[in-house]
Protein backbone atom coordinates (compact mmCIF):
# COMPACT_ATOMS: atom_id res chain seq x y z
CA MET A 1 64.77 64.06 111.37
CA SER A 2 65.56 65.01 108.27
CA GLY A 3 69.36 64.34 106.42
CA GLU A 4 70.03 62.80 110.02
CA VAL A 5 73.24 60.10 109.42
CA HIS A 6 72.03 56.78 111.05
CA ASN A 7 75.98 55.09 110.05
CA HIS A 8 78.42 57.35 111.64
CA GLY A 9 81.76 57.54 109.99
CA GLU A 10 84.90 59.05 111.64
CA LEU A 11 87.29 61.39 109.40
CA VAL A 12 90.69 61.31 111.63
CA VAL A 13 93.19 64.29 110.63
CA VAL A 14 96.75 63.07 111.22
CA ALA A 15 99.83 64.90 110.80
CA THR A 16 102.70 63.33 109.17
CA PRO A 17 106.81 64.30 109.47
CA ILE A 18 107.69 67.45 107.50
CA GLY A 19 111.32 65.43 107.44
CA ASN A 20 112.54 63.82 110.13
CA LEU A 21 110.37 60.28 110.34
CA GLY A 22 110.98 60.04 113.99
CA ASP A 23 108.29 62.73 114.10
CA PHE A 24 106.22 60.40 113.40
CA SER A 25 104.58 59.08 116.88
CA PRO A 26 102.83 55.84 117.65
CA ARG A 27 99.30 57.31 117.75
CA ALA A 28 100.01 58.23 114.24
CA ALA A 29 101.02 54.97 113.26
CA ALA A 30 98.50 53.01 115.17
CA SER A 31 95.32 55.69 113.53
CA LEU A 32 96.13 55.03 110.16
CA GLN A 33 96.39 50.94 110.64
CA ALA A 34 92.66 51.52 112.01
CA VAL A 35 91.17 53.22 109.37
CA ASP A 36 89.80 51.65 106.22
CA VAL A 37 90.93 54.01 103.53
CA VAL A 38 93.67 56.93 103.92
CA CYS A 39 93.02 60.17 101.87
CA CYS A 40 96.35 61.34 100.87
CA GLU A 41 98.01 64.07 98.39
CA ASP A 42 99.98 61.09 96.45
CA THR A 43 99.76 57.74 96.58
CA ARG A 44 103.17 57.06 95.98
CA HIS A 45 104.41 59.38 98.08
CA THR A 46 102.45 57.87 101.16
CA GLY A 47 102.94 54.59 100.08
CA GLN A 48 106.57 54.97 100.46
CA LEU A 49 106.18 56.69 103.99
CA LEU A 50 104.34 54.15 105.31
CA ALA A 51 106.82 51.58 103.99
CA ARG A 52 109.66 53.47 105.46
CA LEU A 53 107.55 53.35 108.86
CA GLY A 54 107.07 49.56 108.72
CA LEU A 55 103.28 50.30 108.44
CA ARG A 56 101.09 47.71 106.19
CA ALA A 57 99.77 48.84 103.30
CA THR A 58 96.60 50.35 103.78
CA ARG A 59 94.17 51.14 101.03
CA LEU A 60 94.93 55.12 99.84
CA LEU A 61 92.80 57.51 98.07
CA SER A 62 94.35 60.49 96.13
CA VAL A 63 93.01 63.80 97.61
CA HIS A 64 95.06 66.58 96.42
CA ALA A 65 94.49 69.89 95.18
CA HIS A 66 93.14 69.29 91.79
CA ASN A 67 90.19 66.61 92.74
CA GLU A 68 89.28 67.41 96.45
CA ARG A 69 85.79 69.12 95.55
CA GLU A 70 85.01 65.50 93.69
CA ARG A 71 86.52 63.20 95.95
CA VAL A 72 84.11 64.91 98.80
CA ALA A 73 81.17 62.61 97.74
CA GLU A 74 83.18 59.55 97.68
CA VAL A 75 84.63 60.06 100.83
CA LEU A 76 80.90 61.28 102.54
CA GLU A 77 79.27 57.99 101.36
CA ARG A 78 82.12 55.71 102.90
CA LEU A 79 81.48 57.93 106.07
CA GLY A 80 77.68 57.30 105.20
CA ARG A 81 78.49 53.58 105.94
CA GLY A 82 80.25 53.84 109.00
CA GLU A 83 83.68 53.50 108.14
CA LYS A 84 86.71 54.96 109.43
CA VAL A 85 88.75 57.53 106.66
CA ALA A 86 91.95 59.00 107.63
CA LEU A 87 92.98 62.10 105.95
CA VAL A 88 97.02 63.04 105.60
CA SER A 89 99.00 65.19 103.89
CA ASP A 90 102.73 64.90 102.01
CA ALA A 91 103.98 66.84 105.22
CA GLY A 92 102.79 68.30 107.80
CA THR A 93 98.89 68.22 109.55
CA PRO A 94 96.49 68.63 106.63
CA ALA A 95 94.47 72.02 105.68
CA LEU A 96 97.07 74.19 106.19
CA SER A 97 98.20 75.55 102.79
CA ASP A 98 97.70 71.92 101.96
CA PRO A 99 94.16 69.94 100.67
CA GLY A 100 91.54 68.91 103.51
CA GLU A 101 89.74 71.81 104.37
CA LEU A 102 86.37 71.10 102.15
CA LEU A 103 86.66 67.18 103.12
CA ILE A 104 86.80 68.40 106.75
CA SER A 105 83.95 71.17 106.05
CA ALA A 106 81.95 68.76 104.61
CA ALA A 107 82.11 65.51 106.74
CA ILE A 108 81.26 68.01 109.63
CA ALA A 109 78.66 69.40 107.99
CA ALA A 110 76.91 66.08 106.94
CA GLY A 111 77.02 64.93 110.84
CA HIS A 112 80.51 62.66 110.92
CA LYS A 113 83.02 62.63 114.06
CA VAL A 114 86.01 64.73 113.24
CA THR A 115 89.06 64.19 115.08
CA THR A 116 92.61 64.70 114.80
CA VAL A 117 96.00 62.96 115.89
CA PRO A 118 98.43 66.15 115.99
CA GLY A 119 102.09 66.37 115.05
CA PRO A 120 104.60 68.60 113.01
CA SER A 121 103.98 71.75 111.53
CA ALA A 122 105.69 74.01 109.65
CA ALA A 123 104.49 77.06 110.91
CA VAL A 124 104.48 76.43 114.74
CA SER A 125 108.17 74.98 114.60
CA ALA A 126 109.29 78.14 112.42
CA LEU A 127 107.50 80.59 114.55
CA VAL A 128 108.76 78.66 117.86
CA VAL A 129 112.44 78.82 116.99
CA ALA A 130 112.45 82.45 115.24
CA GLY A 131 112.11 84.80 118.80
CA LEU A 132 109.87 86.97 117.34
CA GLY A 133 106.80 86.04 119.76
CA THR A 134 104.56 83.75 119.69
CA ALA A 135 101.48 84.98 122.01
CA ARG A 136 99.45 86.12 118.78
CA TRP A 137 100.57 85.53 115.52
CA ARG A 138 99.26 85.48 111.73
CA PHE A 139 99.69 82.33 108.96
CA GLU A 140 99.73 83.53 105.72
CA GLY A 141 100.87 80.03 104.04
CA PHE A 142 102.11 80.89 100.56
CA LEU A 143 101.15 84.53 98.86
CA PRO A 144 99.91 85.10 95.12
CA ARG A 145 102.56 85.01 92.79
CA LYS A 146 101.88 88.18 91.83
CA GLY A 147 98.96 91.35 90.94
CA PRO A 148 97.06 93.28 93.12
CA GLU A 149 96.34 90.69 94.98
CA ARG A 150 99.82 90.04 96.18
CA ALA A 151 100.35 92.97 96.81
CA LYS A 152 97.52 93.48 99.06
CA ARG A 153 98.66 90.74 101.25
CA LEU A 154 102.39 92.02 101.41
CA ALA A 155 100.84 95.88 102.63
CA GLU A 156 98.69 93.36 105.20
CA ILE A 157 102.17 91.65 106.79
CA ALA A 158 103.74 95.12 106.57
CA ALA A 159 100.93 96.61 108.97
CA ALA A 160 100.54 94.30 110.97
CA SER A 161 100.52 94.26 114.76
CA HIS A 162 101.63 90.43 114.81
CA PRO A 163 104.19 88.27 113.71
CA SER A 164 103.30 86.92 109.99
CA VAL A 165 104.48 83.63 109.17
CA ILE A 166 104.86 82.82 105.14
CA TYR A 167 105.62 79.51 103.32
CA GLU A 168 107.67 80.18 100.24
CA SER A 169 109.27 77.52 97.68
CA PRO A 170 113.13 77.98 97.17
CA GLN A 171 113.03 79.06 93.61
CA ARG A 172 110.90 81.92 94.67
CA VAL A 173 112.01 82.87 98.13
CA THR A 174 114.54 85.50 97.17
CA SER A 175 111.79 87.47 95.11
CA THR A 176 109.58 87.37 98.32
CA LEU A 177 112.31 88.48 100.54
CA GLN A 178 112.76 91.26 97.93
CA ASP A 179 109.17 92.11 98.27
CA LEU A 180 108.61 92.25 102.06
CA ALA A 181 111.60 94.49 102.53
CA GLN A 182 110.41 96.96 100.12
CA HIS A 183 106.90 97.15 102.15
CA CYS A 184 107.87 96.44 105.35
CA GLY A 185 111.37 98.21 105.50
CA GLY A 186 114.72 96.88 105.04
CA ASP A 187 115.04 97.06 108.94
CA ARG A 188 112.28 95.02 109.84
CA LYS A 189 113.35 91.65 111.58
CA VAL A 190 112.86 88.34 110.42
CA ALA A 191 113.66 84.48 110.58
CA VAL A 192 114.19 82.36 107.12
CA CYS A 193 113.74 78.89 108.28
CA ARG A 194 114.59 76.36 105.56
CA GLU A 195 114.56 72.12 106.06
CA LEU A 196 113.21 71.93 109.10
CA THR A 197 113.60 68.97 111.35
CA LYS A 198 115.95 68.07 108.00
CA LEU A 199 119.53 66.78 107.96
CA PHE A 200 120.68 70.26 106.69
CA GLU A 201 118.10 72.20 109.02
CA GLU A 202 119.27 75.99 108.81
CA THR A 203 117.50 79.22 110.96
CA TRP A 204 118.84 82.87 109.72
CA ARG A 205 118.02 85.54 111.48
CA GLY A 206 118.39 89.16 110.57
CA THR A 207 116.66 92.05 109.14
CA LEU A 208 114.64 91.57 106.11
CA ALA A 209 117.48 93.85 103.68
CA GLU A 210 120.47 91.59 105.12
CA ALA A 211 118.23 88.87 104.00
CA CYS A 212 118.15 89.62 100.91
CA GLU A 213 122.63 90.29 100.77
CA HIS A 214 122.32 86.60 102.75
CA LEU A 215 120.94 84.72 99.75
CA ALA A 216 121.76 87.30 96.67
CA GLY A 217 123.80 85.53 94.14
CA SER A 218 122.80 82.04 95.80
CA ALA A 219 120.47 79.54 94.59
CA PRO A 220 118.25 78.63 97.88
CA ARG A 221 117.41 75.08 98.54
CA GLY A 222 114.37 73.58 100.19
CA GLU A 223 111.02 74.50 101.36
CA HIS A 224 111.22 77.82 103.79
CA VAL A 225 109.42 79.30 106.32
CA LEU A 226 109.38 83.21 106.76
CA VAL A 227 108.38 84.32 110.04
CA VAL A 228 108.22 88.78 109.50
CA ALA A 229 108.50 90.31 112.68
CA ALA A 230 105.88 92.52 113.50
CA ALA A 231 105.33 96.35 112.31
CA THR A 232 106.58 98.54 115.54
CA VAL A 233 104.38 100.87 117.49
CA GLY A 234 103.81 104.13 115.43
CA GLN A 235 105.05 102.71 111.81
CA SER A 236 103.33 104.27 109.54
CA PRO A 237 100.56 101.86 107.29
CA ALA A 238 101.56 100.74 104.22
CA PRO A 239 100.57 102.84 100.97
CA SER A 240 97.20 101.39 99.48
CA GLU A 241 96.92 100.28 96.02
CA ASP A 242 94.59 103.12 95.39
CA GLU A 243 97.22 105.51 96.90
CA VAL A 244 99.80 104.43 94.77
CA GLN A 245 97.80 104.40 91.46
CA SER A 246 96.87 107.65 92.27
CA GLU A 247 99.94 108.86 92.34
CA VAL A 248 101.40 107.47 89.44
CA ALA A 249 99.06 108.68 87.58
CA ARG A 250 99.35 112.49 88.76
CA ARG A 251 102.64 112.42 87.71
CA MET A 252 102.45 110.90 84.70
CA GLY A 253 99.34 113.69 83.92
CA ALA A 254 102.83 115.71 84.52
CA GLY A 255 104.39 114.16 81.81
CA ALA A 256 106.57 111.61 83.63
CA SER A 257 106.22 108.28 81.49
CA ARG A 258 104.76 105.77 83.10
CA ARG A 259 107.81 103.73 83.94
CA GLN A 260 109.59 106.46 85.34
CA ALA A 261 106.34 107.82 87.26
CA ALA A 262 106.19 103.74 88.84
CA ALA A 263 109.87 104.36 89.53
CA GLU A 264 109.49 107.54 91.56
CA VAL A 265 106.82 106.39 93.43
CA ALA A 266 107.88 103.13 94.25
CA ALA A 267 111.21 104.57 95.83
CA GLU A 268 109.01 107.11 97.48
CA PHE A 269 106.18 104.58 99.21
CA GLY A 270 108.29 102.06 99.92
CA VAL A 271 107.14 99.59 97.29
CA SER A 272 108.01 97.37 94.63
CA LYS A 273 108.74 99.22 91.11
CA ARG A 274 106.32 96.27 89.69
CA PHE A 275 103.63 96.83 91.95
CA ALA A 276 103.21 100.57 91.44
CA TYR A 277 103.67 99.78 87.87
CA GLU A 278 101.25 97.09 87.83
CA SER A 279 98.90 99.21 89.74
CA SER A 280 98.77 102.06 86.96
CA LEU A 281 97.84 99.45 84.34
CA SER A 282 94.82 98.50 86.81
CA ARG A 283 93.62 101.80 87.06
CA HIS A 284 93.61 102.60 83.26
CA GLY A 285 92.49 99.20 81.91
CA GLN A 286 95.46 98.43 80.43
């Protein structure tokens, strides 16, 4: 059969702790000791993790966001020789807002066995302690930092009929909460989780408006997971980018400056001034 792989290797996707080393399972430890090589984001970080867990040194191969595509061929060659390869990220479950998706897909396409050793996940951990529903939910990961694509994702979250789970850095969590409040409305419920499983773990619950006030003037520390409640039944959908662009253009045509028009539309439509202003620039190609 053309393209058949005769020496099938195995790719084992292993979840690692998101903070508390006690969450590393005996099975995960045994799996990392049994493989020929461990693919990881940062060889120094994973090397230190193995040492702290009392595991013997294992051959480490860096596979991160900037080189994953180039590493696929090398890993497939190893799998083709029948090797057993582990895939880990710096923390949590690989391929969820971390490298690994390309490698996993390539291994499957090549006919190799792909298995998992499940374990910690910041998204699932935050979801279950948020108290905003778990039957159905959306994983958003990290939002785009700016521009129309960010606005589009925020609008989708605002209209979502299920809770949304978002990852955010301490440097941007305040601005993201402000944008969420403008798109979803300040009374939408949210859980702000930080430092999950670590010594200073904290889960704050309230509305988006209260969350913005809670973080005002502070310097947030640690990685954050935000769980935003679903839109309530009958809630008006968030305005589309085209609607915002058209209304800004209409007001500019009536004599308002771009900045004034954007501010008025932002207040009326419940979007950020930045989004309204940037949308008008995009419409006119400026």
